Amino acid sequence: MTAQVNKITDGINVKDLDDLALKSFWVLDHLTTPERDRFTAVEVAKFLVEKVRLHTSYQAVDYALGKIKGACNKNGQGYKLMQKGEDELSKFINQEKVIFVDANKPFSAKNFTLKEALGDSHKEVSICDPFVDLNTLDVIFKNFKKKIPIRLLTTKVNDKPQGAFKRHLADLNSEGFNVEARLYSSSELHDRYIFDDTRFWLSGNSLNYLGKKESFIVLLGEDIRQSMLSTFNSRWKAGIQI
């Protein structure tokens, strides 16, 4: 039986690392097993491209792995992450990220702030927002790629004129989007948050209200993500399709 290895990467989301060197360190730690602890720049780059969906090359990875002296050891079999590299990664364990949303900048908030928070590497997106309207659909249209499954859970739809939200949702999906909205009629739903396949963001404002007043979007850890995802899934099953 293979021994279990405790990895630094268990507490770090690779997408939250801004530097290619740190991302490459993450891959080395993630791939390491008791049987193998060295990997080539080609293998690291392949993982970043295929699994993380990062546009890079083995040449860029090779350069990045040598940037921080002593972080990696290189021989004919490839790179091995050393203690200094592990220490660099450890600085990011369970680190929260906070994005400030400036007041009176609704366009920037809806078109740049969300892109900064979410990026574009999603297999699925789940949004919990107690109050939605046509502007919410506009935010989805401008910030998410087509065909990505998006679940939108709410308690109240500002539907003026009557039926407009459902019609615009159908129009959005007719253009290649994959958005399903459900109504969860309970006072339990009051927080605003967004999941993708690896991250959990808590928002101070509804998506349709971003930038109208000062607020924050906060990245929280994997433990609370798993807990809230379970809660969201339960409420989603109980919701009524709009």
Protein backbone atom coordinates (compact mmCIF):
# COMPACT_ATOMS: atom_id res chain seq x y z
CA MET A 1 0.00 0.00 0.00
CA THR A 2 1.31 3.45 -0.95
CA ALA A 3 2.06 5.72 2.00
CA GLN A 4 0.09 8.94 2.12
CA VAL A 5 2.10 12.12 1.69
CA ASN A 6 1.04 15.33 3.37
CA LYS A 7 1.45 18.03 0.77
CA ILE A 8 1.80 21.77 1.10
CA THR A 9 -0.48 22.05 -1.91
CA ASP A 10 -3.38 20.57 0.09
CA GLY A 11 -3.82 24.02 1.61
CA ILE A 12 -3.17 26.14 -1.50
CA ASN A 13 -5.17 26.79 -4.64
CA VAL A 14 -2.72 26.97 -7.55
CA LYS A 15 -4.92 29.58 -9.26
CA ASP A 16 -4.31 31.97 -6.39
CA LEU A 17 -0.56 32.00 -7.04
CA ASP A 18 0.41 34.94 -9.25
CA ASP A 19 3.94 33.91 -10.16
CA LEU A 20 4.88 31.12 -12.60
CA ALA A 21 7.69 30.02 -10.31
CA LEU A 22 5.25 29.50 -7.44
CA LYS A 23 2.81 27.68 -9.73
CA SER A 24 5.67 25.42 -10.86
CA PHE A 25 6.69 24.75 -7.24
CA TRP A 26 3.05 23.86 -6.56
CA VAL A 27 3.05 21.33 -9.40
CA LEU A 28 6.28 19.72 -8.18
CA ASP A 29 4.82 19.32 -4.70
CA HIS A 30 1.47 18.12 -6.06
CA LEU A 31 3.02 15.46 -8.31
CA THR A 32 5.51 14.14 -5.74
CA THR A 33 4.90 10.60 -4.46
CA PRO A 34 7.00 8.26 -2.28
CA GLU A 35 8.11 6.59 -5.50
CA ARG A 36 9.01 9.72 -7.43
CA ASP A 37 10.08 13.24 -6.49
CA ARG A 38 11.66 14.64 -9.68
CA PHE A 39 9.89 15.99 -12.74
CA THR A 40 11.05 17.68 -15.92
CA ALA A 41 10.08 21.17 -17.02
CA VAL A 42 8.11 19.53 -19.85
CA GLU A 43 6.03 17.54 -17.33
CA VAL A 44 5.42 20.58 -15.16
CA ALA A 45 4.41 22.71 -18.16
CA LYS A 46 2.09 19.95 -19.44
CA PHE A 47 0.32 19.82 -16.07
CA LEU A 48 -0.10 23.61 -15.98
CA VAL A 49 -1.52 23.66 -19.50
CA GLU A 50 -3.81 20.63 -19.28
CA LYS A 51 -4.92 20.69 -15.65
CA VAL A 52 -4.61 24.34 -14.59
CA ARG A 53 -5.37 25.64 -18.10
CA LEU A 54 -2.51 28.13 -17.95
CA HIS A 55 -0.93 29.23 -21.21
CA THR A 56 2.80 28.54 -20.76
CA SER A 57 5.73 26.56 -22.19
CA TYR A 58 8.44 24.26 -20.87
CA GLN A 59 11.02 26.97 -21.62
CA ALA A 60 9.14 29.45 -19.41
CA VAL A 61 8.79 26.84 -16.66
CA ASP A 62 12.48 25.91 -16.91
CA TYR A 63 13.43 29.56 -16.43
CA ALA A 64 10.91 30.07 -13.60
CA LEU A 65 12.14 27.04 -11.63
CA GLY A 66 15.64 28.50 -11.57
CA LYS A 67 14.57 32.02 -10.53
CA ILE A 68 14.73 31.47 -6.77
CA LYS A 69 18.16 30.10 -5.91
CA GLY A 70 18.03 26.97 -3.77
CA ALA A 71 14.27 26.45 -4.21
CA CYS A 72 14.75 23.46 -6.53
CA ASN A 73 17.46 20.93 -7.27
CA LYS A 74 17.97 19.93 -10.89
CA ASN A 75 19.70 16.85 -12.30
CA GLY A 76 19.29 14.63 -15.35
CA GLN A 77 15.95 13.27 -14.09
CA GLY A 78 14.41 16.70 -13.58
CA TYR A 79 13.57 19.10 -10.78
CA LYS A 80 13.03 18.33 -7.11
CA LEU A 81 11.40 20.83 -4.76
CA MET A 82 13.69 21.72 -1.86
CA GLN A 83 12.97 23.16 1.58
CA LYS A 84 13.36 26.74 0.37
CA GLY A 85 10.76 26.13 -2.33
CA GLU A 86 8.42 24.57 0.22
CA ASP A 87 8.90 27.58 2.47
CA GLU A 88 7.97 29.91 -0.40
CA LEU A 89 4.77 27.94 -1.01
CA SER A 90 3.91 27.73 2.69
CA LYS A 91 3.45 31.49 2.81
CA PHE A 92 0.26 31.04 0.79
CA ILE A 93 -1.42 28.29 2.80
CA ASN A 94 -5.07 29.21 3.41
CA GLN A 95 -4.27 32.82 2.57
CA GLU A 96 -7.37 34.92 2.10
CA LYS A 97 -7.57 37.32 -0.80
CA VAL A 98 -9.61 40.51 -0.61
CA ILE A 99 -10.63 42.62 -3.59
CA PHE A 100 -11.84 46.14 -2.85
CA VAL A 101 -14.77 47.31 -4.96
CA ASP A 102 -14.66 51.07 -5.28
CA ALA A 103 -17.86 53.07 -4.89
CA ASN A 104 -19.40 54.80 -7.90
CA LYS A 105 -17.54 52.59 -10.38
CA PRO A 106 -20.22 50.09 -11.44
CA PHE A 107 -18.77 49.51 -14.91
CA SER A 108 -15.28 48.69 -13.62
CA ALA A 109 -16.71 46.52 -10.85
CA LYS A 110 -18.87 44.45 -13.18
CA ASN A 111 -16.37 44.15 -16.01
CA PHE A 112 -12.93 44.10 -14.41
CA THR A 113 -13.28 43.30 -10.70
CA LEU A 114 -15.14 40.07 -11.37
CA LYS A 115 -12.62 38.99 -14.00
CA GLU A 116 -9.83 39.60 -11.48
CA ALA A 117 -11.62 37.46 -8.92
CA LEU A 118 -12.90 34.67 -11.11
CA GLY A 119 -10.49 34.36 -14.01
CA ASP A 120 -11.77 32.12 -16.78
CA SER A 121 -10.87 28.56 -15.72
CA HIS A 122 -14.24 27.11 -14.78
CA LYS A 123 -15.90 23.75 -15.22
CA GLU A 124 -19.00 24.98 -13.41
CA VAL A 125 -20.07 28.15 -11.60
CA SER A 126 -22.65 28.40 -8.83
CA ILE A 127 -23.99 31.78 -7.72
CA CYS A 128 -26.07 32.49 -4.64
CA ASP A 129 -27.61 35.98 -4.76
CA PRO A 130 -30.83 36.79 -2.87
CA PHE A 131 -31.79 39.61 -5.27
CA VAL A 132 -31.43 39.38 -9.05
CA ASP A 133 -32.67 41.31 -12.06
CA LEU A 134 -31.80 41.86 -15.72
CA ASN A 135 -28.49 43.46 -14.67
CA THR A 136 -27.49 40.14 -13.07
CA LEU A 137 -27.85 38.41 -16.44
CA ASP A 138 -25.81 41.20 -18.02
CA VAL A 139 -22.99 40.55 -15.52
CA ILE A 140 -23.06 36.85 -16.40
CA PHE A 141 -23.03 37.66 -20.12
CA LYS A 142 -19.96 39.91 -19.80
CA ASN A 143 -17.90 37.84 -17.36
CA PHE A 144 -18.40 34.17 -18.16
CA LYS A 145 -17.68 32.04 -21.18
CA LYS A 146 -20.42 30.33 -23.13
CA LYS A 147 -21.33 26.68 -22.44
CA ILE A 148 -20.02 26.75 -18.85
CA PRO A 149 -22.81 25.41 -16.61
CA ILE A 150 -23.94 28.26 -14.36
CA ARG A 151 -26.39 27.76 -11.49
CA LEU A 152 -28.07 30.92 -10.18
CA LEU A 153 -29.97 30.59 -6.88
CA THR A 154 -32.07 33.47 -5.56
CA THR A 155 -35.04 34.33 -3.35
CA LYS A 156 -36.32 37.35 -5.26
CA VAL A 157 -36.42 38.36 -8.91
CA ASN A 158 -37.01 42.01 -9.71
CA ASP A 159 -39.12 41.13 -12.74
CA LYS A 160 -40.09 44.39 -14.39
CA PRO A 161 -41.78 44.34 -16.78
CA GLN A 162 -43.37 41.06 -15.71
CA GLY A 163 -41.82 38.06 -17.42
CA ALA A 164 -38.79 40.02 -18.66
CA PHE A 165 -36.26 38.09 -16.56
CA LYS A 166 -37.39 34.70 -17.86
CA ARG A 167 -37.42 35.96 -21.46
CA HIS A 168 -33.92 37.46 -21.18
CA LEU A 169 -32.65 34.26 -19.54
CA ALA A 170 -33.99 32.26 -22.50
CA ASP A 171 -32.37 34.73 -24.92
CA LEU A 172 -29.05 34.38 -23.09
CA ASN A 173 -29.15 30.60 -23.35
CA SER A 174 -30.17 30.74 -27.00
CA GLU A 175 -26.81 32.44 -27.69
CA GLY A 176 -24.81 29.51 -26.30
CA PHE A 177 -24.85 30.18 -22.56
CA ASN A 178 -25.84 27.47 -20.10
CA VAL A 179 -27.53 29.29 -17.22
CA GLU A 180 -30.21 27.78 -14.99
CA ALA A 181 -31.95 29.94 -12.37
CA ARG A 182 -33.93 28.64 -9.42
CA LEU A 183 -36.04 30.34 -6.78
CA TYR A 184 -35.49 29.27 -3.17
CA SER A 185 -38.30 30.78 -1.13
CA SER A 186 -36.75 30.93 2.33
CA SER A 187 -35.35 33.64 4.55
CA GLU A 188 -32.27 31.43 5.04
CA LEU A 189 -30.85 32.78 1.81
CA HIS A 190 -29.19 36.12 2.58
CA ASP A 191 -25.45 35.75 1.78
CA ARG A 192 -23.98 36.47 -1.65
CA TYR A 193 -21.31 34.11 -2.87
CA ILE A 194 -19.84 32.50 -5.97
CA PHE A 195 -18.27 29.06 -6.44
CA ASP A 196 -16.24 27.78 -9.31
CA ASP A 197 -14.66 24.33 -9.44
CA THR A 198 -11.87 25.30 -7.00
CA ARG A 199 -12.69 28.60 -5.29
CA PHE A 200 -15.27 30.27 -3.07
CA TRP A 201 -15.82 34.04 -3.12
CA LEU A 202 -18.00 35.95 -0.67
CA SER A 203 -19.39 39.23 -2.00
CA GLY A 204 -20.57 42.19 0.05
CA ASN A 205 -23.03 43.22 -2.65
CA SER A 206 -25.32 41.52 -5.12
CA LEU A 207 -23.84 41.19 -8.61
CA ASN A 208 -26.30 43.71 -10.03
CA TYR A 209 -25.24 46.27 -7.41
CA LEU A 210 -21.45 45.98 -7.65
CA GLY A 211 -19.74 49.36 -7.73
CA LYS A 212 -22.73 51.37 -6.58
CA LYS A 213 -21.32 51.50 -3.08
CA GLU A 214 -18.06 50.49 -1.41
CA SER A 215 -17.73 46.75 -0.76
CA PHE A 216 -15.37 43.80 -0.80
CA ILE A 217 -15.11 40.42 -2.51
CA VAL A 218 -13.27 37.93 -0.29
CA LEU A 219 -11.70 34.60 -1.25
CA LEU A 220 -12.23 32.06 1.52
CA GLY A 221 -10.59 28.69 2.22
CA GLU A 222 -11.37 25.22 0.93
CA ASP A 223 -12.91 24.08 4.23
CA ILE A 224 -15.68 26.67 4.14
CA ARG A 225 -16.05 26.14 0.37
CA GLN A 226 -16.88 22.48 0.90
CA SER A 227 -19.31 23.28 3.71
CA MET A 228 -21.13 25.98 1.75
CA LEU A 229 -21.17 23.92 -1.44
CA SER A 230 -23.05 21.20 0.41
CA THR A 231 -25.54 23.80 1.69
CA PHE A 232 -25.93 25.31 -1.77
CA ASN A 233 -26.56 21.91 -3.37
CA SER A 234 -29.26 21.13 -0.82
CA ARG A 235 -31.02 24.44 -1.43
CA TRP A 236 -30.62 24.07 -5.17
CA LYS A 237 -32.48 20.75 -5.11
CA ALA A 238 -35.30 22.39 -3.17
CA GLY A 239 -35.48 25.38 -5.51
CA ILE A 240 -38.07 25.96 -8.24
CA GLN A 241 -36.82 26.57 -11.76
CA ILE A 242 -37.49 30.08 -13.05
